């Protein structure tokens, strides 16, 4: 039996597998844990980049709509997008420990998912 760090498994499952396979987030997280136990890395795919871009465009459209509270991007979300723009291009080349670290892309994606609900 291989011990696997469960860091960011729910976030990875949310962004990559939940909608694709039509499962709840807990099952998607279990899939991520199983993939780690086998030895797979979780890469940033083109599909995931498109999802992030869609969220960014959705928030930008809200900025241009009627004024009101809770519309558009906050400064925190803008900072998240700026950090993601720096991290995503280099993420796939990192070793597994660095990919799973606290200040990884997945941490920022978790914050983005929580902020943009």
N, C-alpha and C. Protein backbone atom coordinates (compact mmCIF):
# COMPACT_ATOMS: atom_id res chain seq x y z
N UNK A 1 0.85 -1.18 0.00
CA UNK A 1 0.00 0.00 0.00
C UNK A 1 0.89 1.24 0.00
N UNK A 2 0.58 2.19 -0.86
CA UNK A 2 1.34 3.42 -0.98
C UNK A 2 0.62 4.54 -0.24
N UNK A 3 1.37 5.27 0.59
CA UNK A 3 0.79 6.43 1.26
C UNK A 3 0.79 7.60 0.29
N UNK A 4 -0.31 8.34 0.25
CA UNK A 4 -0.48 9.44 -0.68
C UNK A 4 -0.89 10.69 0.09
N UNK A 5 -0.23 11.81 -0.21
CA UNK A 5 -0.63 13.07 0.40
C UNK A 5 -1.95 13.53 -0.21
N UNK A 6 -2.94 13.84 0.61
CA UNK A 6 -4.23 14.25 0.06
C UNK A 6 -4.34 15.74 -0.25
N UNK A 7 -3.22 16.44 -0.30
CA UNK A 7 -3.24 17.89 -0.52
C UNK A 7 -3.90 18.24 -1.85
N UNK A 8 -4.89 19.10 -1.78
CA UNK A 8 -5.58 19.67 -2.94
C UNK A 8 -6.35 18.67 -3.78
N UNK A 9 -6.64 17.48 -3.27
CA UNK A 9 -7.33 16.49 -4.08
C UNK A 9 -8.76 16.91 -4.41
N UNK A 10 -9.44 17.56 -3.49
CA UNK A 10 -10.81 18.02 -3.78
C UNK A 10 -10.81 19.09 -4.86
N UNK A 11 -9.82 19.99 -4.81
CA UNK A 11 -9.74 21.05 -5.81
C UNK A 11 -9.43 20.47 -7.19
N UNK A 12 -8.48 19.55 -7.25
CA UNK A 12 -8.14 18.93 -8.53
C UNK A 12 -9.34 18.16 -9.06
N UNK A 13 -10.00 17.42 -8.18
CA UNK A 13 -11.19 16.69 -8.59
C UNK A 13 -12.29 17.61 -9.09
N UNK A 14 -12.46 18.74 -8.43
CA UNK A 14 -13.49 19.71 -8.85
C UNK A 14 -13.21 20.24 -10.25
N UNK A 15 -11.98 20.68 -10.49
CA UNK A 15 -11.65 21.31 -11.77
C UNK A 15 -11.49 20.32 -12.91
N UNK A 16 -11.01 19.10 -12.62
CA UNK A 16 -10.66 18.21 -13.72
C UNK A 16 -11.63 17.05 -13.95
N UNK A 17 -12.23 16.49 -12.90
CA UNK A 17 -12.93 15.23 -13.07
C UNK A 17 -14.42 15.24 -12.72
N UNK A 18 -14.87 16.18 -11.90
CA UNK A 18 -16.23 16.15 -11.42
C UNK A 18 -17.25 16.23 -12.56
N UNK A 19 -17.13 17.20 -13.40
CA UNK A 19 -18.09 17.35 -14.51
C UNK A 19 -17.83 16.32 -15.61
N UNK A 20 -16.56 16.02 -15.84
CA UNK A 20 -16.21 15.08 -16.91
C UNK A 20 -16.86 13.73 -16.70
N UNK A 21 -16.82 13.23 -15.46
CA UNK A 21 -17.36 11.91 -15.18
C UNK A 21 -18.73 11.93 -14.49
N UNK A 22 -19.23 13.12 -14.17
CA UNK A 22 -20.55 13.23 -13.56
C UNK A 22 -20.61 12.64 -12.16
N UNK A 23 -19.58 12.86 -11.37
CA UNK A 23 -19.53 12.33 -10.01
C UNK A 23 -19.50 13.49 -9.03
N UNK A 24 -19.75 13.17 -7.76
CA UNK A 24 -19.67 14.21 -6.73
C UNK A 24 -18.20 14.49 -6.43
N UNK A 25 -17.96 15.58 -5.76
CA UNK A 25 -16.59 16.03 -5.53
C UNK A 25 -15.76 15.03 -4.72
N UNK A 26 -16.39 14.32 -3.81
CA UNK A 26 -15.66 13.36 -2.99
C UNK A 26 -15.14 12.18 -3.82
N UNK A 27 -15.96 11.74 -4.77
CA UNK A 27 -15.51 10.67 -5.67
C UNK A 27 -14.41 11.16 -6.60
N UNK A 28 -14.51 12.41 -7.04
CA UNK A 28 -13.46 12.98 -7.89
C UNK A 28 -12.15 13.09 -7.11
N UNK A 29 -12.23 13.46 -5.83
CA UNK A 29 -11.03 13.53 -5.00
C UNK A 29 -10.43 12.14 -4.79
N UNK A 30 -11.28 11.14 -4.63
CA UNK A 30 -10.78 9.77 -4.50
C UNK A 30 -10.07 9.32 -5.78
N UNK A 31 -10.58 9.74 -6.92
CA UNK A 31 -9.92 9.44 -8.19
C UNK A 31 -8.53 10.06 -8.24
N UNK A 32 -8.40 11.29 -7.75
CA UNK A 32 -7.10 11.96 -7.73
C UNK A 32 -6.14 11.20 -6.81
N UNK A 33 -6.62 10.77 -5.65
CA UNK A 33 -5.78 10.02 -4.72
C UNK A 33 -5.32 8.71 -5.37
N UNK A 34 -6.23 8.03 -6.05
CA UNK A 34 -5.87 6.78 -6.72
C UNK A 34 -4.83 7.02 -7.81
N UNK A 35 -5.01 8.09 -8.57
CA UNK A 35 -4.04 8.41 -9.63
C UNK A 35 -2.65 8.70 -9.02
N UNK A 36 -2.62 9.40 -7.88
CA UNK A 36 -1.34 9.68 -7.22
C UNK A 36 -0.69 8.39 -6.74
N UNK A 37 -1.50 7.47 -6.20
CA UNK A 37 -0.96 6.21 -5.71
C UNK A 37 -0.33 5.40 -6.83
N UNK A 38 -0.89 5.50 -8.03
CA UNK A 38 -0.33 4.80 -9.18
C UNK A 38 0.94 5.49 -9.67
N UNK A 39 1.06 6.80 -9.39
CA UNK A 39 2.26 7.52 -9.79
C UNK A 39 2.05 8.60 -10.83
N UNK A 40 0.79 8.91 -11.17
CA UNK A 40 0.51 9.95 -12.14
C UNK A 40 0.66 11.33 -11.53
N UNK A 41 1.07 12.30 -12.35
CA UNK A 41 1.06 13.70 -11.96
C UNK A 41 -0.23 14.32 -12.48
N UNK A 42 -0.69 15.34 -11.82
CA UNK A 42 -1.87 16.07 -12.29
C UNK A 42 -1.38 17.27 -13.09
N UNK A 43 -1.52 17.19 -14.38
CA UNK A 43 -1.06 18.25 -15.27
C UNK A 43 -2.17 19.27 -15.51
N UNK A 44 -1.76 20.47 -15.88
CA UNK A 44 -2.69 21.50 -16.30
C UNK A 44 -2.95 21.26 -17.79
N UNK A 45 -4.15 20.86 -18.11
CA UNK A 45 -4.50 20.52 -19.49
C UNK A 45 -5.05 21.75 -20.22
N UNK A 46 -5.13 21.64 -21.53
CA UNK A 46 -5.73 22.70 -22.33
C UNK A 46 -7.18 22.94 -21.95
N UNK A 47 -7.87 21.85 -21.63
CA UNK A 47 -9.27 21.95 -21.22
C UNK A 47 -9.41 22.78 -19.93
N UNK A 48 -8.51 22.56 -18.98
CA UNK A 48 -8.54 23.31 -17.74
C UNK A 48 -8.21 24.77 -17.99
N UNK A 49 -7.25 25.04 -18.86
CA UNK A 49 -6.93 26.43 -19.20
C UNK A 49 -8.14 27.12 -19.81
N UNK A 50 -8.91 26.41 -20.63
CA UNK A 50 -10.12 26.99 -21.22
C UNK A 50 -11.17 27.29 -20.15
N UNK A 51 -11.30 26.40 -19.16
CA UNK A 51 -12.26 26.64 -18.07
C UNK A 51 -11.88 27.89 -17.29
N UNK A 52 -10.58 28.05 -17.01
CA UNK A 52 -10.12 29.23 -16.28
C UNK A 52 -10.39 30.49 -17.09
N UNK A 53 -10.12 30.43 -18.38
CA UNK A 53 -10.37 31.57 -19.26
C UNK A 53 -11.86 31.90 -19.30
N UNK A 54 -12.72 30.89 -19.30
CA UNK A 54 -14.17 31.11 -19.31
C UNK A 54 -14.63 31.82 -18.04
N UNK A 55 -14.07 31.43 -16.89
CA UNK A 55 -14.40 32.10 -15.63
C UNK A 55 -13.95 33.55 -15.68
N UNK A 56 -12.75 33.79 -16.21
CA UNK A 56 -12.22 35.14 -16.32
C UNK A 56 -13.10 36.01 -17.23
N UNK A 57 -13.52 35.46 -18.36
CA UNK A 57 -14.38 36.21 -19.28
C UNK A 57 -15.74 36.48 -18.67
N UNK A 58 -16.28 35.52 -17.93
CA UNK A 58 -17.57 35.69 -17.28
C UNK A 58 -17.51 36.84 -16.28
N UNK A 59 -16.43 36.88 -15.50
CA UNK A 59 -16.29 37.95 -14.52
C UNK A 59 -16.06 39.30 -15.20
N UNK A 60 -15.34 39.31 -16.32
CA UNK A 60 -15.14 40.56 -17.06
C UNK A 60 -16.45 41.07 -17.65
N UNK A 61 -17.32 40.18 -18.11
CA UNK A 61 -18.62 40.60 -18.64
C UNK A 61 -19.46 41.24 -17.54
N UNK A 62 -19.36 40.71 -16.33
CA UNK A 62 -20.11 41.29 -15.22
C UNK A 62 -19.65 42.71 -14.91
N UNK A 63 -18.36 42.98 -15.10
CA UNK A 63 -17.82 44.31 -14.84
C UNK A 63 -18.49 45.32 -15.78
N UNK A 64 -18.73 44.92 -17.02
CA UNK A 64 -19.28 45.82 -18.01
C UNK A 64 -20.80 45.91 -17.96
N UNK A 65 -21.45 45.19 -17.07
CA UNK A 65 -22.90 45.25 -16.96
C UNK A 65 -23.30 46.39 -16.02
N UNK A 66 -24.53 46.37 -15.59
CA UNK A 66 -25.03 47.43 -14.71
C UNK A 66 -24.23 47.48 -13.42
N UNK A 67 -24.04 48.70 -12.89
CA UNK A 67 -23.30 48.80 -11.62
C UNK A 67 -24.09 48.18 -10.48
N UNK A 68 -23.37 47.62 -9.56
CA UNK A 68 -24.03 47.03 -8.40
C UNK A 68 -23.03 46.25 -7.58
N UNK A 69 -23.44 45.96 -6.38
CA UNK A 69 -22.55 45.24 -5.49
C UNK A 69 -22.48 43.78 -5.87
N UNK A 70 -21.31 43.18 -5.75
CA UNK A 70 -21.16 41.77 -6.04
C UNK A 70 -21.01 41.45 -7.51
N UNK A 71 -20.75 42.46 -8.32
CA UNK A 71 -20.61 42.21 -9.75
C UNK A 71 -19.16 42.44 -10.16
N UNK A 72 -18.68 41.59 -11.02
CA UNK A 72 -17.33 41.77 -11.55
C UNK A 72 -16.26 41.18 -10.67
N UNK A 73 -15.04 41.56 -10.99
CA UNK A 73 -13.88 41.01 -10.31
C UNK A 73 -13.45 41.89 -9.15
N UNK A 74 -13.20 41.26 -8.04
CA UNK A 74 -12.64 42.00 -6.90
C UNK A 74 -11.13 42.04 -7.07
N UNK A 75 -10.49 42.83 -6.24
CA UNK A 75 -9.02 42.91 -6.30
C UNK A 75 -8.39 41.55 -5.99
N UNK A 76 -9.00 40.82 -5.06
CA UNK A 76 -8.49 39.50 -4.70
C UNK A 76 -8.52 38.55 -5.91
N UNK A 77 -9.62 38.57 -6.64
CA UNK A 77 -9.75 37.69 -7.80
C UNK A 77 -8.78 38.12 -8.90
N UNK A 78 -8.59 39.40 -9.08
CA UNK A 78 -7.61 39.88 -10.06
C UNK A 78 -6.21 39.40 -9.71
N UNK A 79 -5.87 39.45 -8.41
CA UNK A 79 -4.56 38.95 -7.97
C UNK A 79 -4.43 37.46 -8.24
N UNK A 80 -5.51 36.72 -8.01
CA UNK A 80 -5.48 35.27 -8.29
C UNK A 80 -5.21 35.01 -9.76
N UNK A 81 -5.89 35.73 -10.64
CA UNK A 81 -5.66 35.55 -12.07
C UNK A 81 -4.23 35.92 -12.46
N UNK A 82 -3.69 36.98 -11.86
CA UNK A 82 -2.29 37.36 -12.16
C UNK A 82 -1.32 36.27 -11.71
N UNK A 83 -1.56 35.71 -10.51
CA UNK A 83 -0.69 34.64 -10.03
C UNK A 83 -0.80 33.40 -10.91
N UNK A 84 -2.03 33.08 -11.32
CA UNK A 84 -2.23 31.91 -12.19
C UNK A 84 -1.54 32.11 -13.53
N UNK A 85 -1.57 33.33 -14.07
CA UNK A 85 -0.90 33.60 -15.34
C UNK A 85 0.61 33.35 -15.24
N UNK A 86 1.17 33.56 -14.05
CA UNK A 86 2.61 33.31 -13.84
C UNK A 86 2.89 31.82 -13.62
N UNK A 87 2.01 31.14 -12.87
CA UNK A 87 2.28 29.77 -12.44
C UNK A 87 1.94 28.70 -13.49
N UNK A 88 0.86 28.89 -14.22
CA UNK A 88 0.38 27.85 -15.13
C UNK A 88 1.41 27.46 -16.18
N UNK A 89 2.11 28.41 -16.82
CA UNK A 89 3.07 27.99 -17.86
C UNK A 89 4.21 27.11 -17.35
N UNK A 90 4.60 27.22 -16.08
CA UNK A 90 5.72 26.43 -15.57
C UNK A 90 5.28 25.22 -14.76
N UNK A 91 3.99 25.09 -14.47
CA UNK A 91 3.51 24.07 -13.55
C UNK A 91 3.84 22.65 -14.00
N UNK A 92 3.57 22.31 -15.25
CA UNK A 92 3.75 20.93 -15.70
C UNK A 92 5.20 20.47 -15.62
N UNK A 93 6.15 21.38 -15.62
CA UNK A 93 7.56 21.01 -15.55
C UNK A 93 8.09 20.79 -14.14
N UNK A 94 7.29 21.09 -13.13
CA UNK A 94 7.74 20.94 -11.74
C UNK A 94 7.70 19.48 -11.31
N UNK A 95 8.54 19.14 -10.31
CA UNK A 95 8.46 17.78 -9.78
C UNK A 95 7.20 17.66 -8.91
N UNK A 96 6.83 16.45 -8.57
CA UNK A 96 5.55 16.19 -7.92
C UNK A 96 5.42 16.89 -6.57
N UNK A 97 6.47 16.93 -5.78
CA UNK A 97 6.39 17.59 -4.48
C UNK A 97 6.06 19.07 -4.64
N UNK A 98 6.71 19.74 -5.60
CA UNK A 98 6.43 21.16 -5.82
C UNK A 98 5.03 21.36 -6.37
N UNK A 99 4.53 20.44 -7.17
CA UNK A 99 3.17 20.55 -7.68
C UNK A 99 2.15 20.45 -6.56
N UNK A 100 2.45 19.67 -5.54
CA UNK A 100 1.51 19.46 -4.45
C UNK A 100 1.68 20.46 -3.32
N UNK A 101 2.64 21.37 -3.41
CA UNK A 101 2.92 22.29 -2.30
C UNK A 101 1.76 23.25 -2.08
N UNK A 102 1.76 23.88 -0.94
CA UNK A 102 0.66 24.76 -0.53
C UNK A 102 0.47 25.93 -1.47
N UNK A 103 1.54 26.50 -1.96
CA UNK A 103 1.44 27.67 -2.84
C UNK A 103 1.40 27.26 -4.30
N UNK A 104 0.77 26.16 -4.58
CA UNK A 104 0.71 25.65 -5.93
C UNK A 104 -0.44 26.30 -6.71
N UNK A 105 -0.55 25.94 -7.95
CA UNK A 105 -1.64 26.38 -8.80
C UNK A 105 -2.98 25.96 -8.20
N UNK A 106 -3.01 24.76 -7.62
CA UNK A 106 -4.27 24.23 -7.10
C UNK A 106 -4.79 25.05 -5.93
N UNK A 107 -3.91 25.60 -5.13
CA UNK A 107 -4.34 26.45 -4.03
C UNK A 107 -5.03 27.70 -4.59
N UNK A 108 -4.44 28.30 -5.62
CA UNK A 108 -5.03 29.47 -6.23
C UNK A 108 -6.35 29.13 -6.93
N UNK A 109 -6.42 27.96 -7.56
CA UNK A 109 -7.66 27.55 -8.20
C UNK A 109 -8.77 27.30 -7.19
N UNK A 110 -8.40 26.80 -6.00
CA UNK A 110 -9.39 26.62 -4.94
C UNK A 110 -9.94 27.97 -4.51
N UNK A 111 -9.05 28.94 -4.31
CA UNK A 111 -9.48 30.27 -3.93
C UNK A 111 -10.36 30.90 -5.01
N UNK A 112 -10.01 30.67 -6.26
CA UNK A 112 -10.79 31.19 -7.39
C UNK A 112 -12.19 30.57 -7.40
N UNK A 113 -12.27 29.26 -7.20
CA UNK A 113 -13.57 28.59 -7.18
C UNK A 113 -14.44 29.11 -6.05
N UNK A 114 -13.84 29.34 -4.89
CA UNK A 114 -14.60 29.84 -3.75
C UNK A 114 -15.03 31.29 -3.95
N UNK A 115 -14.20 32.08 -4.63
CA UNK A 115 -14.48 33.50 -4.83
C UNK A 115 -15.50 33.76 -5.94
N UNK A 116 -15.55 32.88 -6.91
CA UNK A 116 -16.38 33.16 -8.08
C UNK A 116 -17.72 32.44 -8.07
N UNK A 117 -18.13 31.94 -6.94
CA UNK A 117 -19.44 31.24 -6.87
C UNK A 117 -20.56 32.23 -6.90
